[in-house]
Amino acid sequence: MKRFEFEGNRLTLHVKKTPIVIRAILFAFGFMAGVLPLAGMIAALASGRDFHFGYLFGVFFTGLMGVYMIRIALWNSLGFELIQLKDDRLDYIADYGWFKDGKKSISMKGLKASFLLIGYEEEGLAVLQIANETQSIESVVKLPIDDLTEIAQKLNQSFNFRGNEP
């Protein structure tokens, strides 16, 4: 199964899903980090204890940790990167399924697509890099070098078709 797809002016890079057990653990801990401190604060207040700032700090801090864990679980379950070619710019969006993050835009003038090797050489993985003279966008989805070579060739052909200089 290919982890990328071209549809017109859109390139979608899909994240390799982690095992279901790991995703379930991340979702469970994320949910518990958000709910248990709130339930503990409510139980303490209901039992007659005085309210103090530590309750809010605990709920806020563990809530942030819970949101971060759920974000990681969503990325590993539903995540993908979307690269859209517009008339004058290229847009990059990281999509987590329930929310979007990391929106970046780069001018189409002088764009060139390539890849950066990442990790161990034996793995044969790299990330997509799209850059012009002043800006660059790097993907976080690791793909095989053969796939990235194909993607870079198609993107560069599209950039040249749009009148960019090589």
Protein backbone atom coordinates (compact mmCIF):
# COMPACT_ATOMS: atom_id res chain seq x y z
CA MET A 1 0.00 0.00 0.00
CA LYS A 2 1.37 3.40 -0.97
CA ARG A 3 1.46 5.98 1.76
CA PHE A 4 1.06 8.90 -0.62
CA GLU A 5 -1.44 9.93 -3.26
CA PHE A 6 -1.63 12.63 -5.91
CA GLU A 7 -5.06 14.04 -6.70
CA GLY A 8 -4.90 16.96 -9.12
CA ASN A 9 -3.04 19.73 -7.31
CA ARG A 10 -2.99 17.88 -3.97
CA LEU A 11 -0.40 15.56 -2.49
CA THR A 12 -1.34 13.58 0.60
CA LEU A 13 1.30 11.84 2.74
CA HIS A 14 -0.15 9.29 5.18
CA VAL A 15 1.41 8.47 8.53
CA LYS A 16 2.31 4.83 9.15
CA LYS A 17 -0.09 3.65 11.84
CA THR A 18 1.37 2.36 15.09
CA PRO A 19 0.06 -0.91 16.56
CA ILE A 20 -3.47 -0.70 17.94
CA VAL A 21 -2.31 -1.58 21.47
CA ILE A 22 0.00 1.43 21.65
CA ARG A 23 -2.68 3.75 20.27
CA ALA A 24 -5.22 2.40 22.78
CA ILE A 25 -2.78 2.99 25.65
CA LEU A 26 -2.13 6.56 24.47
CA PHE A 27 -5.86 7.30 24.21
CA ALA A 28 -6.53 5.73 27.65
CA PHE A 29 -3.75 7.67 29.40
CA GLY A 30 -4.75 10.89 27.63
CA PHE A 31 -8.36 10.46 28.71
CA MET A 32 -7.39 9.55 32.28
CA ALA A 33 -5.00 12.52 32.53
CA GLY A 34 -7.87 14.83 31.68
CA VAL A 35 -10.66 13.23 33.69
CA LEU A 36 -9.12 11.81 36.89
CA PRO A 37 -7.70 15.09 38.29
CA LEU A 38 -11.02 16.82 37.63
CA ALA A 39 -12.90 13.97 39.34
CA GLY A 40 -10.44 14.12 42.26
CA MET A 41 -10.97 17.85 42.68
CA ILE A 42 -14.75 17.45 42.62
CA ALA A 43 -14.58 14.58 45.13
CA ALA A 44 -12.33 16.58 47.46
CA LEU A 45 -14.61 19.61 47.34
CA ALA A 46 -17.69 17.42 47.84
CA SER A 47 -16.13 15.83 50.94
CA GLY A 48 -15.83 19.25 52.58
CA ARG A 49 -12.20 20.16 51.90
CA ASP A 50 -11.37 23.78 51.25
CA PHE A 51 -10.70 24.93 47.70
CA HIS A 52 -7.14 25.97 46.91
CA PHE A 53 -5.12 26.95 43.85
CA GLY A 54 -3.35 23.54 43.72
CA TYR A 55 -6.54 21.94 42.43
CA LEU A 56 -6.65 24.21 39.40
CA PHE A 57 -2.93 23.81 38.78
CA GLY A 58 -3.25 20.01 38.88
CA VAL A 59 -6.26 19.96 36.57
CA PHE A 60 -4.62 22.39 34.13
CA PHE A 61 -1.21 20.67 34.05
CA THR A 62 -2.54 17.13 33.70
CA GLY A 63 -5.15 18.36 31.21
CA LEU A 64 -2.36 19.70 29.00
CA MET A 65 -0.55 16.38 29.24
CA GLY A 66 -3.77 14.57 28.35
CA VAL A 67 -4.38 16.75 25.30
CA TYR A 68 -0.80 16.16 24.14
CA MET A 69 -1.16 12.38 24.53
CA ILE A 70 -4.43 12.38 22.61
CA ARG A 71 -2.79 14.51 19.93
CA ILE A 72 0.00 11.93 19.56
CA ALA A 73 -2.55 9.11 19.46
CA LEU A 74 -4.59 10.92 16.79
CA TRP A 75 -1.48 11.58 14.68
CA ASN A 76 -0.56 7.89 14.85
CA SER A 77 -4.13 6.84 14.03
CA LEU A 78 -5.56 9.37 11.57
CA GLY A 79 -2.68 11.71 10.72
CA PHE A 80 -1.66 12.86 7.27
CA GLU A 81 0.06 15.80 5.63
CA LEU A 82 -1.62 17.70 2.84
CA ILE A 83 0.35 19.70 0.28
CA GLN A 84 -1.74 21.84 -2.07
CA LEU A 85 -0.42 23.63 -5.13
CA LYS A 86 -2.19 26.95 -5.65
CA ASP A 87 -1.62 29.56 -8.37
CA ASP A 88 0.94 31.61 -6.47
CA ARG A 89 1.78 29.51 -3.41
CA LEU A 90 2.10 26.04 -1.97
CA ASP A 91 0.17 25.27 1.24
CA TYR A 92 1.20 22.63 3.79
CA ILE A 93 -1.17 21.35 6.49
CA ALA A 94 -0.67 18.65 9.12
CA ASP A 95 -4.06 17.03 9.76
CA TYR A 96 -4.67 15.03 12.95
CA GLY A 97 -8.19 13.94 12.05
CA TRP A 98 -9.99 15.97 14.74
CA PHE A 99 -8.00 19.15 14.21
CA LYS A 100 -5.42 20.67 11.88
CA ASP A 101 -2.03 22.07 12.77
CA GLY A 102 1.15 23.38 11.22
CA LYS A 103 -0.32 25.36 8.32
CA LYS A 104 2.48 26.88 6.29
CA SER A 105 2.57 28.63 2.93
CA ILE A 106 5.50 29.18 0.62
CA SER A 107 5.78 31.17 -2.60
CA MET A 108 5.75 29.09 -5.80
CA LYS A 109 8.60 31.13 -7.28
CA GLY A 110 11.73 28.98 -7.67
CA LEU A 111 10.40 25.94 -5.78
CA LYS A 112 12.33 22.69 -5.85
CA ALA A 113 11.35 19.40 -4.23
CA SER A 114 13.93 16.99 -2.81
CA PHE A 115 14.31 14.76 0.21
CA LEU A 116 16.43 14.64 3.35
CA LEU A 117 17.77 11.35 4.68
CA ILE A 118 16.67 10.67 8.22
CA GLY A 119 17.41 7.96 10.76
CA TYR A 120 19.73 5.05 10.08
CA GLU A 121 21.02 4.50 6.57
CA GLU A 122 19.87 0.85 6.59
CA GLU A 123 16.24 1.93 7.08
CA GLY A 124 16.22 3.78 3.76
CA LEU A 125 13.81 6.46 5.00
CA ALA A 126 13.71 10.17 4.28
CA VAL A 127 11.41 13.18 4.52
CA LEU A 128 10.18 15.44 1.75
CA GLN A 129 11.67 18.93 1.52
CA ILE A 130 10.20 21.69 -0.64
CA ALA A 131 12.23 24.90 -0.78
CA ASN A 132 12.88 28.09 -2.65
CA GLU A 133 15.70 30.61 -2.10
CA THR A 134 14.32 31.96 1.19
CA GLN A 135 11.88 29.42 2.67
CA SER A 136 11.52 25.69 3.08
CA ILE A 137 8.93 23.19 4.23
CA GLU A 138 9.92 19.79 5.55
CA SER A 139 7.52 16.92 5.97
CA VAL A 140 7.53 14.86 9.17
CA VAL A 141 6.18 11.70 7.52
CA LYS A 142 9.05 9.30 6.91
CA LEU A 143 8.79 7.51 3.56
CA PRO A 144 11.02 5.14 1.58
CA ILE A 145 13.55 6.90 -0.64
CA ASP A 146 12.06 5.32 -3.80
CA ASP A 147 8.65 6.83 -3.02
CA LEU A 148 10.16 10.23 -2.25
CA THR A 149 12.13 10.18 -5.50
CA GLU A 150 8.87 9.64 -7.39
CA ILE A 151 7.12 12.38 -5.39
CA ALA A 152 9.96 14.87 -5.92
CA GLN A 153 9.99 14.20 -9.68
CA LYS A 154 6.23 14.74 -9.98
CA LEU A 155 6.34 17.90 -7.87
CA ASN A 156 9.29 19.33 -9.81
CA GLN A 157 7.48 18.64 -13.10
CA SER A 158 4.44 20.43 -11.74
CA PHE A 159 6.58 23.39 -10.56
CA ASN A 160 8.22 23.64 -14.01
CA PHE A 161 4.81 23.40 -15.71
CA ARG A 162 3.70 26.41 -13.68
CA GLY A 163 6.55 28.50 -15.13
CA ASN A 164 9.11 28.22 -12.32
CA GLU A 165 12.76 28.30 -13.15
CA PRO A 166 14.64 25.05 -12.38
